[in-house]
Amino acid sequence: MVEFDIYPNEHLVVAYYEGRITFADVVEVTARMIVDPRYQQEFDGVSDYRNGEINFTVKEVIAFSDAAAQNKIASGRWCILVSRPQETALLSLFKSHLKAQHPVELFCTINAASEYLGRDLSKYLAPDLYN
């Protein structure tokens, strides 16, 4: 499952990834997000992969991050929440390919991601898996 919420008053986008996540899932949710009338490129965001299992290749990660950078999908600060080594490794590649476009950081806890974005993300996300 892949879903997102947009909070215009908070200038925040929150994406949730659960279960097996394919490259097509990520492309589809991104396409829905950027055409949503509430979406603004400069909003900050969080992508929560803690309950997701990424099922795509390094090539797909690089292709998606390059397309996101070229199309200037986002310019705000984004954080990615991860809990497993595979997701951390693949999303680190994503981060490194986007760093020239906009800041993206990886975190393992809501508290750390909240500090980075300067807002309490626990209002929008399920609790951390390991407390």
N, C-alpha and C. Protein backbone atom coordinates (compact mmCIF):
# COMPACT_ATOMS: atom_id res chain seq x y z
N MET A 1 0.84 -1.18 0.00
CA MET A 1 0.00 0.00 0.00
C MET A 1 0.89 1.25 0.00
N VAL A 2 0.49 2.19 -0.80
CA VAL A 2 1.19 3.46 -0.86
C VAL A 2 0.14 4.56 -0.83
N GLU A 3 0.25 5.46 0.11
CA GLU A 3 -0.69 6.57 0.24
C GLU A 3 0.06 7.83 0.61
N PHE A 4 -0.61 8.95 0.49
CA PHE A 4 -0.03 10.21 0.91
C PHE A 4 -1.13 11.13 1.41
N ASP A 5 -0.73 12.08 2.24
CA ASP A 5 -1.61 13.15 2.72
C ASP A 5 -0.86 14.45 2.50
N ILE A 6 -1.62 15.49 2.21
CA ILE A 6 -1.04 16.82 2.06
C ILE A 6 -1.72 17.73 3.07
N TYR A 7 -0.90 18.45 3.82
CA TYR A 7 -1.38 19.37 4.85
C TYR A 7 -0.97 20.79 4.43
N PRO A 8 -1.82 21.46 3.64
CA PRO A 8 -1.45 22.77 3.11
C PRO A 8 -1.13 23.81 4.18
N ASN A 9 -1.86 23.82 5.28
CA ASN A 9 -1.59 24.80 6.34
C ASN A 9 -0.24 24.60 7.00
N GLU A 10 0.22 23.36 7.01
CA GLU A 10 1.51 23.03 7.61
C GLU A 10 2.64 23.00 6.56
N HIS A 11 2.27 23.18 5.28
CA HIS A 11 3.25 23.10 4.17
C HIS A 11 3.99 21.76 4.22
N LEU A 12 3.22 20.69 4.35
CA LEU A 12 3.79 19.37 4.59
C LEU A 12 3.09 18.29 3.75
N VAL A 13 3.90 17.40 3.20
CA VAL A 13 3.43 16.20 2.50
C VAL A 13 3.92 14.99 3.28
N VAL A 14 3.04 14.02 3.50
CA VAL A 14 3.40 12.81 4.22
C VAL A 14 3.01 11.61 3.35
N ALA A 15 4.00 10.79 2.99
CA ALA A 15 3.76 9.59 2.19
C ALA A 15 4.01 8.36 3.06
N TYR A 16 3.15 7.36 2.92
CA TYR A 16 3.23 6.14 3.71
C TYR A 16 3.42 4.95 2.78
N TYR A 17 4.40 4.12 3.06
CA TYR A 17 4.68 2.94 2.25
C TYR A 17 4.57 1.72 3.16
N GLU A 18 3.73 0.75 2.75
CA GLU A 18 3.50 -0.42 3.58
C GLU A 18 3.47 -1.67 2.70
N GLY A 19 4.10 -2.74 3.19
CA GLY A 19 4.14 -3.99 2.42
C GLY A 19 5.17 -3.91 1.31
N ARG A 20 5.03 -4.77 0.30
CA ARG A 20 5.96 -4.79 -0.83
C ARG A 20 5.70 -3.57 -1.71
N ILE A 21 6.74 -2.80 -1.93
CA ILE A 21 6.64 -1.58 -2.71
C ILE A 21 7.43 -1.75 -4.00
N THR A 22 6.75 -1.61 -5.13
CA THR A 22 7.42 -1.71 -6.42
C THR A 22 7.77 -0.32 -6.94
N PHE A 23 8.60 -0.30 -7.93
CA PHE A 23 8.95 0.95 -8.60
C PHE A 23 7.69 1.59 -9.17
N ALA A 24 6.81 0.80 -9.75
CA ALA A 24 5.56 1.33 -10.31
C ALA A 24 4.71 1.98 -9.22
N ASP A 25 4.72 1.43 -8.00
CA ASP A 25 3.97 2.03 -6.89
C ASP A 25 4.47 3.43 -6.58
N VAL A 26 5.79 3.59 -6.53
CA VAL A 26 6.39 4.88 -6.20
C VAL A 26 6.11 5.90 -7.30
N VAL A 27 6.22 5.48 -8.55
CA VAL A 27 5.92 6.37 -9.67
C VAL A 27 4.46 6.80 -9.63
N GLU A 28 3.57 5.85 -9.38
CA GLU A 28 2.13 6.14 -9.36
C GLU A 28 1.76 7.11 -8.24
N VAL A 29 2.26 6.90 -7.04
CA VAL A 29 1.91 7.80 -5.94
C VAL A 29 2.52 9.18 -6.15
N THR A 30 3.70 9.24 -6.72
CA THR A 30 4.32 10.54 -7.00
C THR A 30 3.50 11.29 -8.04
N ALA A 31 3.05 10.60 -9.07
CA ALA A 31 2.22 11.24 -10.10
C ALA A 31 0.92 11.78 -9.49
N ARG A 32 0.28 11.01 -8.62
CA ARG A 32 -0.95 11.48 -7.95
C ARG A 32 -0.66 12.67 -7.05
N MET A 33 0.47 12.64 -6.37
CA MET A 33 0.83 13.72 -5.44
C MET A 33 1.02 15.04 -6.19
N ILE A 34 1.81 15.03 -7.26
CA ILE A 34 2.16 16.30 -7.91
C ILE A 34 0.99 16.92 -8.68
N VAL A 35 -0.04 16.16 -8.99
CA VAL A 35 -1.22 16.75 -9.65
C VAL A 35 -2.30 17.13 -8.65
N ASP A 36 -2.13 16.77 -7.41
CA ASP A 36 -3.10 17.14 -6.37
C ASP A 36 -3.09 18.66 -6.23
N PRO A 37 -4.25 19.31 -6.29
CA PRO A 37 -4.28 20.78 -6.21
C PRO A 37 -3.73 21.36 -4.90
N ARG A 38 -3.66 20.55 -3.86
CA ARG A 38 -3.11 21.03 -2.59
C ARG A 38 -1.59 21.02 -2.58
N TYR A 39 -0.97 20.30 -3.49
CA TYR A 39 0.48 20.12 -3.51
C TYR A 39 1.18 21.39 -3.99
N GLN A 40 2.24 21.73 -3.29
CA GLN A 40 3.12 22.82 -3.69
C GLN A 40 4.54 22.31 -3.67
N GLN A 41 5.29 22.61 -4.69
CA GLN A 41 6.65 22.13 -4.85
C GLN A 41 7.53 22.48 -3.65
N GLU A 42 7.30 23.62 -3.03
CA GLU A 42 8.16 24.06 -1.93
C GLU A 42 7.80 23.46 -0.57
N PHE A 43 6.73 22.66 -0.50
CA PHE A 43 6.36 22.02 0.77
C PHE A 43 7.48 21.08 1.21
N ASP A 44 7.63 20.95 2.51
CA ASP A 44 8.49 19.93 3.08
C ASP A 44 7.74 18.60 3.03
N GLY A 45 8.47 17.52 3.23
CA GLY A 45 7.80 16.23 3.19
C GLY A 45 8.53 15.15 3.94
N VAL A 46 7.79 14.08 4.19
CA VAL A 46 8.34 12.89 4.82
C VAL A 46 7.79 11.68 4.09
N SER A 47 8.67 10.75 3.77
CA SER A 47 8.29 9.47 3.18
C SER A 47 8.62 8.39 4.21
N ASP A 48 7.60 7.70 4.66
CA ASP A 48 7.75 6.71 5.72
C ASP A 48 7.79 5.30 5.13
N TYR A 49 8.99 4.73 5.07
CA TYR A 49 9.20 3.38 4.55
C TYR A 49 9.37 2.36 5.66
N ARG A 50 9.10 2.72 6.91
CA ARG A 50 9.38 1.81 8.02
C ARG A 50 8.59 0.51 7.95
N ASN A 51 7.41 0.54 7.34
CA ASN A 51 6.59 -0.67 7.19
C ASN A 51 6.56 -1.17 5.76
N GLY A 52 7.48 -0.66 4.94
CA GLY A 52 7.52 -1.05 3.54
C GLY A 52 8.74 -1.88 3.23
N GLU A 53 8.59 -2.72 2.24
CA GLU A 53 9.70 -3.54 1.76
C GLU A 53 9.94 -3.18 0.30
N ILE A 54 11.01 -2.46 0.04
CA ILE A 54 11.31 -1.99 -1.30
C ILE A 54 11.64 -3.17 -2.20
N ASN A 55 10.98 -3.20 -3.35
CA ASN A 55 11.19 -4.27 -4.31
C ASN A 55 11.51 -3.66 -5.67
N PHE A 56 12.58 -2.84 -5.70
CA PHE A 56 13.05 -2.32 -6.97
C PHE A 56 14.56 -2.26 -7.00
N THR A 57 15.09 -2.04 -8.19
CA THR A 57 16.53 -2.17 -8.43
C THR A 57 17.25 -0.85 -8.23
N VAL A 58 18.57 -0.95 -8.15
CA VAL A 58 19.40 0.25 -8.06
C VAL A 58 19.17 1.12 -9.29
N LYS A 59 19.08 0.50 -10.47
CA LYS A 59 18.83 1.26 -11.71
C LYS A 59 17.53 2.05 -11.61
N GLU A 60 16.49 1.44 -11.06
CA GLU A 60 15.20 2.11 -10.94
C GLU A 60 15.29 3.28 -9.96
N VAL A 61 16.00 3.10 -8.85
CA VAL A 61 16.18 4.18 -7.88
C VAL A 61 16.88 5.36 -8.54
N ILE A 62 17.94 5.08 -9.27
CA ILE A 62 18.70 6.15 -9.92
C ILE A 62 17.85 6.83 -10.99
N ALA A 63 17.13 6.06 -11.79
CA ALA A 63 16.27 6.63 -12.83
C ALA A 63 15.20 7.53 -12.23
N PHE A 64 14.58 7.06 -11.13
CA PHE A 64 13.53 7.87 -10.49
C PHE A 64 14.10 9.15 -9.89
N SER A 65 15.22 9.05 -9.21
CA SER A 65 15.80 10.24 -8.59
C SER A 65 16.26 11.23 -9.65
N ASP A 66 16.82 10.73 -10.75
CA ASP A 66 17.22 11.63 -11.84
C ASP A 66 16.01 12.33 -12.46
N ALA A 67 14.93 11.59 -12.67
CA ALA A 67 13.71 12.18 -13.21
C ALA A 67 13.12 13.20 -12.25
N ALA A 68 13.13 12.89 -10.97
CA ALA A 68 12.61 13.83 -9.97
C ALA A 68 13.42 15.12 -9.97
N ALA A 69 14.73 15.01 -10.09
CA ALA A 69 15.59 16.19 -10.11
C ALA A 69 15.36 17.00 -11.38
N GLN A 70 15.29 16.35 -12.52
CA GLN A 70 15.10 17.04 -13.79
C GLN A 70 13.75 17.74 -13.86
N ASN A 71 12.72 17.12 -13.31
CA ASN A 71 11.37 17.68 -13.37
C ASN A 71 11.06 18.61 -12.20
N LYS A 72 12.03 18.76 -11.31
CA LYS A 72 11.89 19.65 -10.15
C LYS A 72 10.56 19.38 -9.41
N ILE A 73 10.37 18.12 -9.07
CA ILE A 73 9.15 17.70 -8.39
C ILE A 73 9.01 18.38 -7.04
N ALA A 74 10.12 18.57 -6.34
CA ALA A 74 10.07 19.17 -5.01
C ALA A 74 11.30 20.04 -4.79
N SER A 75 11.10 21.08 -4.00
CA SER A 75 12.23 21.93 -3.63
C SER A 75 12.36 22.10 -2.13
N GLY A 76 11.35 21.65 -1.38
CA GLY A 76 11.40 21.74 0.08
C GLY A 76 12.31 20.67 0.66
N ARG A 77 12.46 20.71 1.98
CA ARG A 77 13.26 19.68 2.67
C ARG A 77 12.41 18.43 2.84
N TRP A 78 12.99 17.28 2.56
CA TRP A 78 12.31 16.01 2.73
C TRP A 78 13.14 15.10 3.62
N CYS A 79 12.44 14.27 4.37
CA CYS A 79 13.12 13.23 5.13
C CYS A 79 12.49 11.89 4.79
N ILE A 80 13.29 10.88 4.88
CA ILE A 80 12.86 9.52 4.61
C ILE A 80 13.08 8.70 5.87
N LEU A 81 12.02 8.07 6.34
CA LEU A 81 12.11 7.20 7.52
C LEU A 81 12.31 5.77 7.06
N VAL A 82 13.33 5.13 7.59
CA VAL A 82 13.68 3.75 7.22
C VAL A 82 13.91 2.94 8.49
N SER A 83 13.79 1.62 8.33
CA SER A 83 14.04 0.76 9.49
C SER A 83 14.87 -0.48 9.16
N ARG A 84 15.13 -0.72 7.87
CA ARG A 84 15.87 -1.92 7.47
C ARG A 84 17.05 -1.56 6.57
N PRO A 85 18.07 -2.40 6.57
CA PRO A 85 19.28 -2.11 5.79
C PRO A 85 19.05 -1.94 4.28
N GLN A 86 18.22 -2.79 3.67
CA GLN A 86 18.01 -2.68 2.22
C GLN A 86 17.38 -1.35 1.84
N GLU A 87 16.36 -0.95 2.58
CA GLU A 87 15.71 0.34 2.31
C GLU A 87 16.69 1.49 2.54
N THR A 88 17.48 1.36 3.60
CA THR A 88 18.47 2.40 3.90
C THR A 88 19.47 2.54 2.76
N ALA A 89 19.97 1.43 2.26
CA ALA A 89 20.97 1.47 1.18
C ALA A 89 20.38 2.05 -0.10
N LEU A 90 19.23 1.55 -0.52
CA LEU A 90 18.63 2.04 -1.77
C LEU A 90 18.21 3.50 -1.67
N LEU A 91 17.66 3.88 -0.55
CA LEU A 91 17.20 5.27 -0.41
C LEU A 91 18.37 6.23 -0.18
N SER A 92 19.50 5.71 0.27
CA SER A 92 20.71 6.54 0.33
C SER A 92 21.15 6.93 -1.07
N LEU A 93 21.01 6.02 -2.02
CA LEU A 93 21.30 6.34 -3.42
C LEU A 93 20.35 7.43 -3.92
N PHE A 94 19.08 7.28 -3.60
CA PHE A 94 18.09 8.28 -3.97
C PHE A 94 18.50 9.65 -3.43
N LYS A 95 18.84 9.68 -2.17
CA LYS A 95 19.27 10.92 -1.51
C LYS A 95 20.48 11.54 -2.21
N SER A 96 21.46 10.73 -2.51
CA SER A 96 22.68 11.27 -3.11
C SER A 96 22.43 11.84 -4.51
N HIS A 97 21.48 11.29 -5.22
CA HIS A 97 21.17 11.80 -6.56
C HIS A 97 20.32 13.06 -6.53
N LEU A 98 19.65 13.32 -5.43
CA LEU A 98 18.79 14.50 -5.34
C LEU A 98 19.41 15.67 -4.59
N LYS A 99 20.55 15.47 -3.96
CA LYS A 99 21.07 16.50 -3.05
C LYS A 99 21.30 17.84 -3.73
N ALA A 100 21.57 17.86 -5.03
CA ALA A 100 21.76 19.14 -5.72
C ALA A 100 20.43 19.84 -5.94
N GLN A 101 19.34 19.08 -6.01
CA GLN A 101 18.01 19.65 -6.26
C GLN A 101 17.37 20.19 -4.98
N HIS A 102 17.34 19.37 -3.96
CA HIS A 102 16.76 19.78 -2.68
C HIS A 102 17.24 18.84 -1.58
N PRO A 103 17.22 19.34 -0.35
CA PRO A 103 17.73 18.52 0.76
C PRO A 103 16.84 17.31 1.06
N VAL A 104 17.46 16.16 1.13
CA VAL A 104 16.79 14.91 1.50
C VAL A 104 17.71 14.22 2.51
N GLU A 105 17.14 13.80 3.63
CA GLU A 105 17.92 13.11 4.66
C GLU A 105 17.18 11.85 5.09
N LEU A 106 17.93 10.84 5.53
CA LEU A 106 17.37 9.59 6.03
C LEU A 106 17.44 9.58 7.55
N PHE A 107 16.37 9.03 8.15
CA PHE A 107 16.30 8.93 9.60
C PHE A 107 15.65 7.60 9.99
N CYS A 108 15.95 7.16 11.21
CA CYS A 108 15.38 5.92 11.74
C CYS A 108 14.29 6.20 12.77
N THR A 109 14.18 7.43 13.24
CA THR A 109 13.17 7.75 14.26
C THR A 109 12.38 8.99 13.88
N ILE A 110 11.15 9.02 14.34
CA ILE A 110 10.29 10.19 14.13
C ILE A 110 10.89 11.41 14.80
N ASN A 111 11.47 11.24 15.97
CA ASN A 111 12.05 12.36 16.70
C ASN A 111 13.16 13.04 15.88
N ALA A 112 14.05 12.24 15.31
CA ALA A 112 15.14 12.81 14.51
C ALA A 112 14.61 13.50 13.26
N ALA A 113 13.63 12.89 12.60
CA ALA A 113 13.03 13.50 11.42
C ALA A 113 12.30 14.79 11.79
N SER A 114 11.64 14.78 12.94
CA SER A 114 10.93 15.98 13.42
C SER A 114 11.88 17.13 13.66
N GLU A 115 13.01 16.83 14.26
CA GLU A 115 14.02 17.87 14.50
C GLU A 115 14.51 18.46 13.18
N TYR A 116 14.73 17.61 12.19
CA TYR A 116 15.22 18.05 10.89
C TYR A 116 14.21 18.98 10.21
N LEU A 117 12.93 18.61 10.26
CA LEU A 117 11.90 19.42 9.59
C LEU A 117 11.36 20.55 10.48
N GLY A 118 11.70 20.52 11.76
CA GLY A 118 11.25 21.59 12.65
C GLY A 118 9.76 21.54 12.96
N ARG A 119 9.22 20.33 12.97
CA ARG A 119 7.80 20.14 13.32
C ARG A 119 7.62 18.74 13.88
N ASP A 120 6.59 18.58 14.70
CA ASP A 120 6.33 17.30 15.36
C ASP A 120 5.63 16.35 14.39
N LEU A 121 6.37 15.42 13.84
CA LEU A 121 5.81 14.48 12.87
C LEU A 121 5.01 13.36 13.52
N SER A 122 5.09 13.24 14.84
CA SER A 122 4.31 12.19 15.51
C SER A 122 2.81 12.43 15.36
N LYS A 123 2.41 13.63 15.00
CA LYS A 123 1.00 13.94 14.76
C LYS A 123 0.50 13.29 13.47
N TYR A 124 1.42 12.91 12.59
CA TYR A 124 1.06 12.42 11.26
C TYR A 124 1.44 10.97 11.01
N LEU A 125 2.33 10.42 11.83
CA LEU A 125 2.89 9.10 11.58
C LEU A 125 2.64 8.13 12.72
N ALA A 126 2.66 6.85 12.38
CA ALA A 126 2.57 5.80 13.40
C ALA A 126 3.83 5.87 14.26
N PRO A 127 3.76 5.43 15.51
CA PRO A 127 4.94 5.46 16.38
C PRO A 127 6.11 4.67 15.80
N ASP A 128 7.30 4.99 16.26
CA ASP A 128 8.49 4.25 15.83
C ASP A 128 8.33 2.78 16.15
N LEU A 129 8.91 1.93 15.32
CA LEU A 129 8.81 0.48 15.51
C LEU A 129 9.54 0.01 16.75
N TYR A 130 10.69 0.66 17.03
CA TYR A 130 11.51 0.27 18.18
C TYR A 130 11.71 1.48 19.06
N ASN A 131 11.14 1.46 20.22
CA ASN A 131 11.30 2.59 21.16
C ASN A 131 12.19 2.20 22.30
